[in-house]
Amino acid sequence: MLMRIILTALPFLSLATASKDTCEWPSWQDALTTCHGPPSTYTVKASNGKGLGLFSAHDLDVGEIVMRETPPLKISPPEIVKGSGYPMPAVTKLVRKEFDTLSSAVQDEIMSLTYHITSSKEATMDKLGIIFRTNAYNSGKDIGLFPKIARINHSCRPNASYYWSDKLNKRIVYATRKIKKGEEVYVSYIPLLLTQEGRQKLLDRYGFKCSCDACAQERAAQDVSDERRTTIQKAFADFEPQLTLEPPRTKKARQQARKNAKASLQLTELVHQEGLADYFAKAYRVAAISHARVKDWKVAAIWANKGYELKYIEDPDSPYTMEMHNLTSNFIANWESELQVGQ
């Protein structure tokens, strides 16, 4: 019976299959154009006040693939300049070289992407380089541009997330909560454990003020949200040096471990209250290890398995997924031993 816990993630194997994207992409300025991706996956159309956006064409469950995209443009970046990041002239030169090898249709798709820059800087920079800087993602050791994924708008309480697969050479977008048919799909462009003011400052580089449901709350609700996010960020930092399976050896250490186990449940509750699905697995790992340190193997196994399921959805082969699988197995074994001793 106990081993059924770890096997609950296996049905997610079927979610790794996604249809090929077949779509001629319009210019983002054309608000009347509707673009259809795979018939059962998504539609790209005008999003109120946001240019184009990506909308679910049917109900999506947690873990379902929204899209998988291979970058038509990918570069090995130049050396970072300390204090200023990648040198844009060098990046633009590399991007232009790759861009010139693409078909005219793909080139048009890339050049239709939105970007943000001051008019004075725009006059002195290559538009292609600006588009790449605005829309590209780290992709393993490289930096890639994903024109279709670039159509997904930002939310500070997103309903989807993404990861890079070296094996597939694709960035994969998947639902992190249930998404209804016709609902817009959102990801996050920035770290989310900041206050609303802090998030808006980071988003200035993209040239818009976020009006998502998290940012559009009344002031009182916004203050509560800000406090939750600040508390979550601090809790993760405080827990990090204590996330070890080494058992506490002193009375004081054991008392602290019991406090940590209780606090870890409060952390998972805060993350859920704030709707930050991107941080669920991280919080579950904290709860699992914190309870293992006080030998509460049942609770530790349950939280480890919850984290394993979420990371398996994201990427079955990632080191994080393997870690959560191993933790779950070990905690279940200890739980079984505990039950046998009690018989």
C-alpha atoms as a PDB file:
ATOM      1  CA  MET A   1       0.000   0.000   0.000  1.00  0.00           C
ATOM      2  CA  LEU A   2       2.717   2.503   0.935  1.00  0.00           C
ATOM      3  CA  MET A   3       4.596   2.111  -2.338  1.00  0.00           C
ATOM      4  CA  ARG A   4       1.560   3.327  -4.257  1.00  0.00           C
ATOM      5  CA  ILE A   5       2.424   6.847  -3.136  1.00  0.00           C
ATOM      6  CA  ILE A   6       5.499   7.149  -5.313  1.00  0.00           C
ATOM      7  CA  LEU A   7       3.777   5.571  -8.285  1.00  0.00           C
ATOM      8  CA  THR A   8       1.111   8.243  -8.519  1.00  0.00           C
ATOM      9  CA  ALA A   9       3.367  10.320 -10.764  1.00  0.00           C
ATOM     10  CA  LEU A  10       3.596   7.681 -13.486  1.00  0.00           C
ATOM     11  CA  PRO A  11       0.446   8.723 -15.395  1.00  0.00           C
ATOM     12  CA  PHE A  12       2.150  12.027 -16.164  1.00  0.00           C
ATOM     13  CA  LEU A  13       4.327  10.181 -18.661  1.00  0.00           C
ATOM     14  CA  SER A  14       1.594  10.719 -21.228  1.00  0.00           C
ATOM     15  CA  LEU A  15       1.841  14.479 -20.819  1.00  0.00           C
ATOM     16  CA  ALA A  16       5.279  14.628 -22.414  1.00  0.00           C
ATOM     17  CA  THR A  17       3.753  14.357 -25.889  1.00  0.00           C
ATOM     18  CA  ALA A  18       2.855  17.569 -27.679  1.00  0.00           C
ATOM     19  CA  SER A  19       1.684  18.303 -31.200  1.00  0.00           C
ATOM     20  CA  LYS A  20       3.899  20.074 -33.681  1.00  0.00           C
ATOM     21  CA  ASP A  21       3.272  23.807 -33.873  1.00  0.00           C
ATOM     22  CA  THR A  22       1.963  24.810 -37.279  1.00  0.00           C
ATOM     23  CA  CYS A  23       1.169  28.483 -37.478  1.00  0.00           C
ATOM     24  CA  GLU A  24       1.850  31.507 -39.641  1.00  0.00           C
ATOM     25  CA  TRP A  25       2.392  34.281 -37.129  1.00  0.00           C
ATOM     26  CA  PRO A  26       0.919  37.751 -37.767  1.00  0.00           C
ATOM     27  CA  SER A  27       2.455  41.050 -36.903  1.00  0.00           C
ATOM     28  CA  TRP A  28       1.777  41.899 -33.269  1.00  0.00           C
ATOM     29  CA  GLN A  29       0.291  45.216 -34.348  1.00  0.00           C
ATOM     30  CA  ASP A  30      -2.591  43.470 -36.135  1.00  0.00           C
ATOM     31  CA  ALA A  31      -5.156  43.233 -33.341  1.00  0.00           C
ATOM     32  CA  LEU A  32      -7.776  41.776 -35.700  1.00  0.00           C
ATOM     33  CA  THR A  33      -5.737  38.721 -36.568  1.00  0.00           C
ATOM     34  CA  THR A  34      -6.376  35.410 -34.820  1.00  0.00           C
ATOM     35  CA  CYS A  35      -3.705  32.765 -35.117  1.00  0.00           C
ATOM     36  CA  HIS A  36      -4.378  29.117 -34.375  1.00  0.00           C
ATOM     37  CA  GLY A  37      -1.714  26.740 -33.137  1.00  0.00           C
ATOM     38  CA  PRO A  38      -2.393  23.027 -32.734  1.00  0.00           C
ATOM     39  CA  PRO A  39      -6.207  22.697 -32.823  1.00  0.00           C
ATOM     40  CA  SER A  40      -6.447  21.251 -29.327  1.00  0.00           C
ATOM     41  CA  THR A  41      -3.811  23.384 -27.650  1.00  0.00           C
ATOM     42  CA  TYR A  42      -3.860  27.164 -27.987  1.00  0.00           C
ATOM     43  CA  THR A  43      -4.938  30.201 -29.948  1.00  0.00           C
ATOM     44  CA  VAL A  44      -3.013  33.448 -30.343  1.00  0.00           C
ATOM     45  CA  LYS A  45      -5.177  36.554 -30.554  1.00  0.00           C
ATOM     46  CA  ALA A  46      -5.480  40.093 -29.262  1.00  0.00           C
ATOM     47  CA  SER A  47      -5.170  40.463 -25.495  1.00  0.00           C
ATOM     48  CA  ASN A  48      -6.762  43.541 -23.972  1.00  0.00           C
ATOM     49  CA  GLY A  49      -4.070  46.202 -23.669  1.00  0.00           C
ATOM     50  CA  LYS A  50      -1.244  43.706 -24.256  1.00  0.00           C
ATOM     51  CA  GLY A  51      -0.955  43.261 -28.009  1.00  0.00           C
ATOM     52  CA  LEU A  52      -1.215  39.574 -28.765  1.00  0.00           C
ATOM     53  CA  GLY A  53      -1.599  36.865 -26.133  1.00  0.00           C
ATOM     54  CA  LEU A  54      -1.883  33.106 -25.994  1.00  0.00           C
ATOM     55  CA  PHE A  55      -5.225  31.563 -25.011  1.00  0.00           C
ATOM     56  CA  SER A  56      -6.118  27.989 -24.161  1.00  0.00           C
ATOM     57  CA  ALA A  57      -8.241  26.309 -26.828  1.00  0.00           C
ATOM     58  CA  HIS A  58      -9.599  23.772 -24.332  1.00  0.00           C
ATOM     59  CA  ASP A  59      -9.547  23.027 -20.620  1.00  0.00           C
ATOM     60  CA  LEU A  60      -6.015  22.220 -19.447  1.00  0.00           C
ATOM     61  CA  ASP A  61      -5.143  20.229 -16.354  1.00  0.00           C
ATOM     62  CA  VAL A  62      -2.044  20.711 -14.229  1.00  0.00           C
ATOM     63  CA  GLY A  63       0.972  19.422 -16.122  1.00  0.00           C
ATOM     64  CA  GLU A  64      -0.525  19.483 -19.597  1.00  0.00           C
ATOM     65  CA  ILE A  65       1.822  20.749 -22.295  1.00  0.00           C
ATOM     66  CA  VAL A  66       0.853  24.096 -23.790  1.00  0.00           C
ATOM     67  CA  MET A  67       3.638  24.117 -26.374  1.00  0.00           C
ATOM     68  CA  ARG A  68       7.159  22.982 -27.109  1.00  0.00           C
ATOM     69  CA  GLU A  69       9.372  25.173 -29.261  1.00  0.00           C
ATOM     70  CA  THR A  70      12.827  24.811 -30.768  1.00  0.00           C
ATOM     71  CA  PRO A  71      14.661  28.151 -30.960  1.00  0.00           C
ATOM     72  CA  PRO A  72      15.220  29.231 -34.563  1.00  0.00           C
ATOM     73  CA  LEU A  73      17.901  31.561 -33.191  1.00  0.00           C
ATOM     74  CA  LYS A  74      20.396  30.359 -30.597  1.00  0.00           C
ATOM     75  CA  ILE A  75      23.853  31.715 -29.815  1.00  0.00           C
ATOM     76  CA  SER A  76      26.741  30.877 -27.537  1.00  0.00           C
ATOM     77  CA  PRO A  77      27.052  34.160 -25.650  1.00  0.00           C
ATOM     78  CA  PRO A  78      30.244  36.206 -25.433  1.00  0.00           C
ATOM     79  CA  GLU A  79      32.028  36.777 -22.144  1.00  0.00           C
ATOM     80  CA  ILE A  80      30.071  38.807 -19.604  1.00  0.00           C
ATOM     81  CA  VAL A  81      31.421  42.283 -18.907  1.00  0.00           C
ATOM     82  CA  LYS A  82      31.557  42.737 -15.142  1.00  0.00           C
ATOM     83  CA  GLY A  83      28.884  45.176 -14.004  1.00  0.00           C
ATOM     84  CA  SER A  84      27.125  45.494 -17.352  1.00  0.00           C
ATOM     85  CA  GLY A  85      26.286  41.970 -18.572  1.00  0.00           C
ATOM     86  CA  TYR A  86      26.764  40.733 -22.119  1.00  0.00           C
ATOM     87  CA  PRO A  87      28.219  43.330 -24.534  1.00  0.00           C
ATOM     88  CA  MET A  88      25.336  44.102 -26.896  1.00  0.00           C
ATOM     89  CA  PRO A  89      27.444  44.823 -30.015  1.00  0.00           C
ATOM     90  CA  ALA A  90      29.012  41.354 -29.725  1.00  0.00           C
ATOM     91  CA  VAL A  91      25.633  39.715 -29.036  1.00  0.00           C
ATOM     92  CA  THR A  92      24.030  41.488 -31.979  1.00  0.00           C
ATOM     93  CA  LYS A  93      26.832  40.410 -34.292  1.00  0.00           C
ATOM     94  CA  LEU A  94      26.343  36.761 -33.303  1.00  0.00           C
ATOM     95  CA  VAL A  95      22.561  37.033 -33.631  1.00  0.00           C
ATOM     96  CA  ARG A  96      22.765  38.711 -37.038  1.00  0.00           C
ATOM     97  CA  LYS A  97      25.007  35.928 -38.339  1.00  0.00           C
ATOM     98  CA  GLU A  98      22.472  33.259 -37.334  1.00  0.00           C
ATOM     99  CA  PHE A  99      19.508  35.361 -38.455  1.00  0.00           C
ATOM    100  CA  ASP A 100      20.869  35.650 -42.001  1.00  0.00           C
ATOM    101  CA  THR A 101      20.706  31.847 -42.410  1.00  0.00           C
ATOM    102  CA  LEU A 102      16.940  31.694 -41.677  1.00  0.00           C
ATOM    103  CA  SER A 103      14.080  31.642 -44.148  1.00  0.00           C
ATOM    104  CA  SER A 104      12.317  34.920 -44.872  1.00  0.00           C
ATOM    105  CA  ALA A 105       9.156  33.628 -43.134  1.00  0.00           C
ATOM    106  CA  VAL A 106      11.043  32.927 -39.891  1.00  0.00           C
ATOM    107  CA  GLN A 107      12.868  36.233 -40.166  1.00  0.00           C
ATOM    108  CA  ASP A 108       9.539  38.062 -40.498  1.00  0.00           C
ATOM    109  CA  GLU A 109       8.183  36.167 -37.481  1.00  0.00           C
ATOM    110  CA  ILE A 110      11.155  37.257 -35.374  1.00  0.00           C
ATOM    111  CA  MET A 111      11.084  40.867 -36.531  1.00  0.00           C
ATOM    112  CA  SER A 112       7.384  41.146 -35.623  1.00  0.00           C
ATOM    113  CA  LEU A 113       8.106  40.537 -31.923  1.00  0.00           C
ATOM    114  CA  THR A 114       7.626  43.372 -29.459  1.00  0.00           C
ATOM    115  CA  TYR A 115      10.515  45.123 -27.768  1.00  0.00           C
ATOM    116  CA  HIS A 116      11.120  48.081 -25.493  1.00  0.00           C
ATOM    117  CA  ILE A 117      13.869  50.668 -25.634  1.00  0.00           C
ATOM    118  CA  THR A 118      14.208  54.437 -25.432  1.00  0.00           C
ATOM    119  CA  SER A 119      13.979  56.294 -28.731  1.00  0.00           C
ATOM    120  CA  SER A 120      17.506  57.648 -28.354  1.00  0.00           C
ATOM    121  CA  LYS A 121      18.997  54.174 -27.910  1.00  0.00           C
ATOM    122  CA  GLU A 122      16.826  52.703 -30.672  1.00  0.00           C
ATOM    123  CA  ALA A 123      18.370  55.123 -33.138  1.00  0.00           C
ATOM    124  CA  THR A 124      21.837  53.751 -32.448  1.00  0.00           C
ATOM    125  CA  MET A 125      21.114  50.017 -32.105  1.00  0.00           C
ATOM    126  CA  ASP A 126      20.240  47.190 -34.466  1.00  0.00           C
ATOM    127  CA  LYS A 127      16.523  46.382 -34.062  1.00  0.00           C
ATOM    128  CA  LEU A 128      17.283  42.658 -34.283  1.00  0.00           C
ATOM    129  CA  GLY A 129      19.629  42.910 -31.303  1.00  0.00           C
ATOM    130  CA  ILE A 130      16.986  44.792 -29.303  1.00  0.00           C
ATOM    131  CA  ILE A 131      14.363  42.132 -30.097  1.00  0.00           C
ATOM    132  CA  PHE A 132      16.755  39.376 -29.076  1.00  0.00           C
ATOM    133  CA  ARG A 133      17.662  41.103 -25.811  1.00  0.00           C
ATOM    134  CA  THR A 134      13.986  41.626 -24.926  1.00  0.00           C
ATOM    135  CA  ASN A 135      12.691  38.156 -25.812  1.00  0.00           C
ATOM    136  CA  ALA A 136      15.534  35.625 -25.482  1.00  0.00           C
ATOM    137  CA  TYR A 137      15.939  33.033 -22.702  1.00  0.00           C
ATOM    138  CA  ASN A 138      18.891  31.189 -21.245  1.00  0.00           C
ATOM    139  CA  SER A 139      18.860  27.773 -22.902  1.00  0.00           C
ATOM    140  CA  GLY A 140      21.392  25.546 -21.236  1.00  0.00           C
ATOM    141  CA  LYS A 141      24.774  27.109 -21.943  1.00  0.00           C
ATOM    142  CA  ASP A 142      23.346  29.120 -24.830  1.00  0.00           C
ATOM    143  CA  ILE A 143      20.773  31.889 -25.275  1.00  0.00           C
ATOM    144  CA  GLY A 144      17.766  31.155 -27.479  1.00  0.00           C
ATOM    145  CA  LEU A 145      14.911  33.111 -29.009  1.00  0.00           C
ATOM    146  CA  PHE A 146      11.461  31.492 -29.083  1.00  0.00           C
ATOM    147  CA  PRO A 147       9.072  33.564 -31.231  1.00  0.00           C
ATOM    148  CA  LYS A 148       5.943  31.603 -30.320  1.00  0.00           C
ATOM    149  CA  ILE A 149       6.639  31.471 -26.576  1.00  0.00           C
ATOM    150  CA  ALA A 150       7.438  35.190 -26.748  1.00  0.00           C
ATOM    151  CA  ARG A 151       3.712  35.770 -27.424  1.00  0.00           C
ATOM    152  CA  ILE A 152       2.843  34.587 -23.890  1.00  0.00           C
ATOM    153  CA  ASN A 153       2.194  37.549 -21.616  1.00  0.00           C
ATOM    154  CA  HIS A 154       3.405  38.054 -18.055  1.00  0.00           C
ATOM    155  CA  SER A 155       1.507  37.654 -14.800  1.00  0.00           C
ATOM    156  CA  CYS A 156       2.733  37.944 -11.214  1.00  0.00           C
ATOM    157  CA  ARG A 157       0.418  35.015 -10.464  1.00  0.00           C
ATOM    158  CA  PRO A 158       0.961  32.897 -13.600  1.00  0.00           C
ATOM    159  CA  ASN A 159      -0.947  29.772 -14.575  1.00  0.00           C
ATOM    160  CA  ALA A 160       1.896  28.242 -16.600  1.00  0.00           C
ATOM    161  CA  SER A 161       5.633  27.777 -16.392  1.00  0.00           C
ATOM    162  CA  TYR A 162       8.423  26.578 -18.663  1.00  0.00           C
ATOM    163  CA  TYR A 163      11.787  24.847 -18.692  1.00  0.00           C
ATOM    164  CA  TRP A 164      14.566  24.146 -21.152  1.00  0.00           C
ATOM    165  CA  SER A 165      15.233  20.571 -22.291  1.00  0.00           C
ATOM    166  CA  ASP A 166      18.747  19.973 -23.584  1.00  0.00           C
ATOM    167  CA  LYS A 167      17.712  16.515 -24.760  1.00  0.00           C
ATOM    168  CA  LEU A 168      14.862  17.827 -26.920  1.00  0.00           C
ATOM    169  CA  ASN A 169      16.479  21.172 -27.769  1.00  0.00           C
ATOM    170  CA  LYS A 170      13.143  22.762 -26.867  1.00  0.00           C
ATOM    171  CA  ARG A 171      11.629  25.097 -24.316  1.00  0.00           C
ATOM    172  CA  ILE A 172       8.502  23.496 -22.910  1.00  0.00           C
ATOM    173  CA  VAL A 173       5.520  25.427 -21.546  1.00  0.00           C
ATOM    174  CA  TYR A 174       3.093  23.553 -19.284  1.00  0.00           C
ATOM    175  CA  ALA A 175       0.098  24.398 -17.094  1.00  0.00           C
ATOM    176  CA  THR A 176       0.825  24.841 -13.386  1.00  0.00           C
ATOM    177  CA  ARG A 177      -2.844  25.018 -12.477  1.00  0.00           C
ATOM    178  CA  LYS A 178      -6.113  24.203 -14.207  1.00  0.00           C
ATOM    179  CA  ILE A 179      -6.742  26.557 -17.110  1.00  0.00           C
ATOM    180  CA  LYS A 180     -10.212  26.931 -18.575  1.00  0.00           C
ATOM    181  CA  LYS A 181     -10.982  27.021 -22.281  1.00  0.00           C
ATOM    182  CA  GLY A 182     -10.588  30.579 -23.547  1.00  0.00           C
ATOM    183  CA  GLU A 183      -8.469  31.659 -20.559  1.00  0.00           C
ATOM    184  CA  GLU A 184      -5.247  33.481 -21.330  1.00  0.00           C
ATOM    185  CA  VAL A 185      -2.045  31.608 -20.567  1.00  0.00           C
ATOM    186  CA  TYR A 186       0.522  33.516 -18.512  1.00  0.00           C
ATOM    187  CA  VAL A 187       4.093  32.911 -17.428  1.00  0.00           C
ATOM    188  CA  SER A 188       6.377  35.074 -15.305  1.00  0.00           C
ATOM    189  CA  TYR A 189       9.169  37.183 -16.750  1.00  0.00           C
ATOM    190  CA  ILE A 190      10.707  37.972 -13.358  1.00  0.00           C
ATOM    191  CA  PRO A 191      11.297  36.553  -9.848  1.00  0.00           C
ATOM    192  CA  LEU A 192       7.980  36.743  -8.019  1.00  0.00           C
ATOM    193  CA  LEU A 193       8.963  36.926  -4.349  1.00  0.00           C
ATOM    194  CA  LEU A 194       9.057  40.715  -4.364  1.00  0.00           C
ATOM    195  CA  THR A 195       6.569  43.383  -3.386  1.00  0.00           C
ATOM    196  CA  GLN A 196       4.281  44.799  -6.054  1.00  0.00           C
ATOM    197  CA  GLU A 197       6.500  47.889  -6.257  1.00  0.00           C
ATOM    198  CA  GLY A 198       9.622  45.770  -6.638  1.00  0.00           C
ATOM    199  CA  ARG A 199       8.044  43.668  -9.379  1.00  0.00           C
ATOM    200  CA  GLN A 200       6.934  46.746 -11.310  1.00  0.00           C
ATOM    201  CA  LYS A 201      10.475  48.119 -11.248  1.00  0.00           C
ATOM    202  CA  LEU A 202      11.836  44.900 -12.747  1.00  0.00           C
ATOM    203  CA  LEU A 203       9.133  44.946 -15.409  1.00  0.00           C
ATOM    204  CA  ASP A 204      10.071  48.474 -16.505  1.00  0.00           C
ATOM    205  CA  ARG A 205      12.649  46.928 -18.832  1.00  0.00           C
ATOM    206  CA  TYR A 206       9.766  45.383 -20.786  1.00  0.00           C
ATOM    207  CA  GLY A 207       7.960  48.697 -21.129  1.00  0.00           C
ATOM    208  CA  PHE A 208       4.683  47.946 -19.364  1.00  0.00           C
ATOM    209  CA  LYS A 209       2.995  48.229 -15.999  1.00  0.00           C
ATOM    210  CA  CYS A 210       1.607  44.903 -14.858  1.00  0.00           C
ATOM    211  CA  SER A 211      -2.157  44.852 -14.302  1.00  0.00           C
ATOM    212  CA  CYS A 212      -2.525  41.151 -13.447  1.00  0.00           C
ATOM    213  CA  ASP A 213      -4.923  40.075 -10.706  1.00  0.00           C
ATOM    214  CA  ALA A 214      -2.069  40.153  -8.167  1.00  0.00           C
ATOM    215  CA  CYS A 215      -1.106  43.729  -9.060  1.00  0.00           C
ATOM    216  CA  ALA A 216      -4.650  45.063  -9.508  1.00  0.00           C
ATOM    217  CA  GLN A 217      -5.822  44.237  -5.981  1.00  0.00           C
ATOM    218  CA  GLU A 218      -7.165  46.844  -3.581  1.00  0.00           C
ATOM    219  CA  ARG A 219      -4.496  48.429  -1.388  1.00  0.00           C
ATOM    220  CA  ALA A 220      -5.346  46.395   1.719  1.00  0.00           C
ATOM    221  CA  ALA A 221      -5.203  43.115  -0.197  1.00  0.00           C
ATOM    222  CA  GLN A 222      -1.995  44.258  -1.906  1.00  0.00           C
ATOM    223  CA  ASP A 223      -0.360  44.898   1.458  1.00  0.00           C
ATOM    224  CA  VAL A 224      -1.271  41.371   2.587  1.00  0.00           C
ATOM    225  CA  SER A 225       0.098  39.934  -0.658  1.00  0.00           C
ATOM    226  CA  ASP A 226       3.334  41.913  -0.310  1.00  0.00           C
ATOM    227  CA  GLU A 227       3.788  40.667   3.237  1.00  0.00           C
ATOM    228  CA  ARG A 228       3.206  37.055   2.189  1.00  0.00           C
ATOM    229  CA  ARG A 229       5.734  37.245  -0.636  1.00  0.00           C
ATOM    230  CA  THR A 230       8.333  38.919   1.566  1.00  0.00           C
ATOM    231  CA  THR A 231       7.783  36.279   4.263  1.00  0.00           C
ATOM    232  CA  ILE A 232       8.074  33.445   1.717  1.00  0.00           C
ATOM    233  CA  GLN A 233      11.323  34.842   0.335  1.00  0.00           C
ATOM    234  CA  LYS A 234      12.827  35.200   3.812  1.00  0.00           C
ATOM    235  CA  ALA A 235      11.640  31.722   4.829  1.00  0.00           C
ATOM    236  CA  PHE A 236      13.321  30.085   1.838  1.00  0.00           C
ATOM    237  CA  ALA A 237      16.559  31.891   2.660  1.00  0.00           C
ATOM    238  CA  ASP A 238      16.359  30.950   6.347  1.00  0.00           C
ATOM    239  CA  PHE A 239      15.585  27.300   5.620  1.00  0.00           C
ATOM    240  CA  GLU A 240      18.307  26.790   3.005  1.00  0.00           C
ATOM    241  CA  PRO A 241      21.285  26.187   5.345  1.00  0.00           C
ATOM    242  CA  GLN A 242      19.155  23.827   7.447  1.00  0.00           C
ATOM    243  CA  LEU A 243      17.973  21.574   4.621  1.00  0.00           C
ATOM    244  CA  THR A 244      20.119  18.613   5.504  1.00  0.00           C
ATOM    245  CA  LEU A 245      19.227  15.046   6.405  1.00  0.00           C
ATOM    246  CA  GLU A 246      21.842  15.095   9.149  1.00  0.00           C
ATOM    247  CA  PRO A 247      19.854  14.456  12.373  1.00  0.00           C
ATOM    248  CA  PRO A 248      19.993  17.150  15.064  1.00  0.00           C
ATOM    249  CA  ARG A 249      22.351  16.031  17.830  1.00  0.00           C
ATOM    250  CA  THR A 250      21.738  18.467  20.681  1.00  0.00           C
ATOM    251  CA  LYS A 251      18.617  19.286  22.630  1.00  0.00           C
ATOM    252  CA  LYS A 252      18.646  22.820  21.254  1.00  0.00           C
ATOM    253  CA  ALA A 253      19.053  21.540  17.701  1.00  0.00           C
ATOM    254  CA  ARG A 254      16.155  19.096  18.146  1.00  0.00           C
ATOM    255  CA  GLN A 255      13.945  21.878  19.466  1.00  0.00           C
ATOM    256  CA  GLN A 256      14.840  24.005  16.444  1.00  0.00           C
ATOM    257  CA  ALA A 257      14.145  21.088  14.093  1.00  0.00           C
ATOM    258  CA  ARG A 258      10.638  20.704  15.562  1.00  0.00           C
ATOM    259  CA  LYS A 259      10.037  24.431  15.119  1.00  0.00           C
ATOM    260  CA  ASN A 260      11.263  24.169  11.528  1.00  0.00           C
ATOM    261  CA  ALA A 261       8.883  21.310  10.769  1.00  0.00           C
ATOM    262  CA  LYS A 262       5.953  23.388  12.000  1.00  0.00           C
ATOM    263  CA  ALA A 263       7.185  26.467  10.128  1.00  0.00           C
ATOM    264  CA  SER A 264       7.560  24.475   6.919  1.00  0.00           C
ATOM    265  CA  LEU A 265       3.828  23.770   6.898  1.00  0.00           C
ATOM    266  CA  GLN A 266       3.152  27.461   7.354  1.00  0.00           C
ATOM    267  CA  LEU A 267       5.428  28.126   4.382  1.00  0.00           C
ATOM    268  CA  THR A 268       3.518  25.737   2.108  1.00  0.00           C
ATOM    269  CA  GLU A 269       0.279  27.374   3.209  1.00  0.00           C
ATOM    270  CA  LEU A 270       1.562  30.855   2.381  1.00  0.00           C
ATOM    271  CA  VAL A 271       2.755  29.767  -1.064  1.00  0.00           C
ATOM    272  CA  HIS A 272      -0.673  28.289  -1.776  1.00  0.00           C
ATOM    273  CA  GLN A 273      -2.501  31.350  -0.460  1.00  0.00           C
ATOM    274  CA  GLU A 274      -0.464  33.534  -2.795  1.00  0.00           C
ATOM    275  CA  GLY A 275      -1.066  31.179  -5.739  1.00  0.00           C
ATOM    276  CA  LEU A 276       2.641  30.897  -6.587  1.00  0.00           C
ATOM    277  CA  ALA A 277       2.655  27.532  -8.331  1.00  0.00           C
ATOM    278  CA  ASP A 278       6.249  28.075  -9.507  1.00  0.00           C
ATOM    279  CA  TYR A 279       7.321  27.732  -5.859  1.00  0.00           C
ATOM    280  CA  PHE A 280       5.113  24.808  -4.787  1.00  0.00           C
ATOM    281  CA  ALA A 281       7.767  22.134  -5.349  1.00  0.00           C
ATOM    282  CA  LYS A 282      10.414  24.167  -3.534  1.00  0.00           C
ATOM    283  CA  ALA A 283       8.127  24.565  -0.522  1.00  0.00           C
ATOM    284  CA  TYR A 284       7.251  20.850  -0.578  1.00  0.00           C
ATOM    285  CA  ARG A 285      10.954  19.966  -0.494  1.00  0.00           C
ATOM    286  CA  VAL A 286      11.405  22.178   2.571  1.00  0.00           C
ATOM    287  CA  ALA A 287       8.459  20.488   4.306  1.00  0.00           C
ATOM    288  CA  ALA A 288       9.696  17.006   3.405  1.00  0.00           C
ATOM    289  CA  ILE A 289      13.248  17.472   4.663  1.00  0.00           C
ATOM    290  CA  SER A 290      12.135  19.403   7.752  1.00  0.00           C
ATOM    291  CA  HIS A 291       9.841  16.548   8.798  1.00  0.00           C
ATOM    292  CA  ALA A 292      12.476  13.928   8.016  1.00  0.00           C
ATOM    293  CA  ARG A 293      14.827  15.653  10.461  1.00  0.00           C
ATOM    294  CA  VAL A 294      12.291  15.037  13.256  1.00  0.00           C
ATOM    295  CA  LYS A 295      11.659  11.485  11.988  1.00  0.00           C
ATOM    296  CA  ASP A 296       8.048  12.166  11.041  1.00  0.00           C
ATOM    297  CA  TRP A 297       8.439   9.814   8.101  1.00  0.00           C
ATOM    298  CA  LYS A 298       4.798   9.697   7.039  1.00  0.00           C
ATOM    299  CA  VAL A 299       4.526  13.466   6.604  1.00  0.00           C
ATOM    300  CA  ALA A 300       8.019  13.633   5.094  1.00  0.00           C
ATOM    301  CA  ALA A 301       7.121  10.975   2.503  1.00  0.00           C
ATOM    302  CA  ILE A 302       3.868  12.693   1.568  1.00  0.00           C
ATOM    303  CA  TRP A 303       5.506  16.071   0.984  1.00  0.00           C
ATOM    304  CA  ALA A 304       8.456  14.556  -0.867  1.00  0.00           C
ATOM    305  CA  ASN A 305       6.074  12.722  -3.163  1.00  0.00           C
ATOM    306  CA  LYS A 306       4.094  15.904  -3.816  1.00  0.00           C
ATOM    307  CA  GLY A 307       7.326  17.604  -4.837  1.00  0.00           C
ATOM    308  CA  TYR A 308       8.333  14.622  -6.958  1.00  0.00           C
ATOM    309  CA  GLU A 309       5.053  14.685  -8.852  1.00  0.00           C
ATOM    310  CA  LEU A 310       5.412  18.367  -9.691  1.00  0.00           C
ATOM    311  CA  LYS A 311       9.044  18.090 -10.779  1.00  0.00           C
ATOM    312  CA  TYR A 312       8.235  14.978 -12.822  1.00  0.00           C
ATOM    313  CA  ILE A 313       5.585  16.974 -14.678  1.00  0.00           C
ATOM    314  CA  GLU A 314       8.148  19.650 -15.412  1.00  0.00           C
ATOM    315  CA  ASP A 315      11.098  17.481 -16.415  1.00  0.00           C
ATOM    316  CA  PRO A 316      11.293  13.734 -15.607  1.00  0.00           C
ATOM    317  CA  ASP A 317      15.060  13.689 -16.113  1.00  0.00           C
ATOM    318  CA  SER A 318      16.110  16.718 -14.078  1.00  0.00           C
ATOM    319  CA  PRO A 319      18.422  16.336 -11.051  1.00  0.00           C
ATOM    320  CA  TYR A 320      15.689  17.908  -8.887  1.00  0.00           C
ATOM    321  CA  THR A 321      13.205  15.238  -9.998  1.00  0.00           C
ATOM    322  CA  MET A 322      15.678  12.481  -9.232  1.00  0.00           C
ATOM    323  CA  GLU A 323      16.395  13.986  -5.820  1.00  0.00           C
ATOM    324  CA  MET A 324      12.693  14.108  -4.923  1.00  0.00           C
ATOM    325  CA  HIS A 325      12.240  10.525  -6.148  1.00  0.00           C
ATOM    326  CA  ASN A 326      15.092   9.338  -3.937  1.00  0.00           C
ATOM    327  CA  LEU A 327      13.843  11.281  -0.932  1.00  0.00           C
ATOM    328  CA  THR A 328      10.372   9.806  -1.349  1.00  0.00           C
ATOM    329  CA  SER A 329      11.746   6.269  -1.586  1.00  0.00           C
ATOM    330  CA  ASN A 330      13.944   6.733   1.482  1.00  0.00           C
ATOM    331  CA  PHE A 331      11.190   8.295   3.576  1.00  0.00           C
ATOM    332  CA  ILE A 332       8.721   5.552   2.634  1.00  0.00           C
ATOM    333  CA  ALA A 333      11.291   2.918   3.626  1.00  0.00           C
ATOM    334  CA  ASN A 334      11.742   4.579   7.006  1.00  0.00           C
ATOM    335  CA  TRP A 335       7.974   4.866   7.417  1.00  0.00           C
ATOM    336  CA  GLU A 336       7.544   1.164   6.673  1.00  0.00           C
ATOM    337  CA  SER A 337      10.281   0.269   9.184  1.00  0.00           C
ATOM    338  CA  GLU A 338       8.597   2.449  11.795  1.00  0.00           C
ATOM    339  CA  LEU A 339       5.256   0.679  11.236  1.00  0.00           C
ATOM    340  CA  GLN A 340       6.876  -2.745  11.487  1.00  0.00           C
ATOM    341  CA  VAL A 341       8.549  -1.855  14.774  1.00  0.00           C
ATOM    342  CA  GLY A 342       5.203  -0.702  16.123  1.00  0.00           C
ATOM    343  CA  GLN A 343       3.446  -3.971  15.297  1.00  0.00           C
END
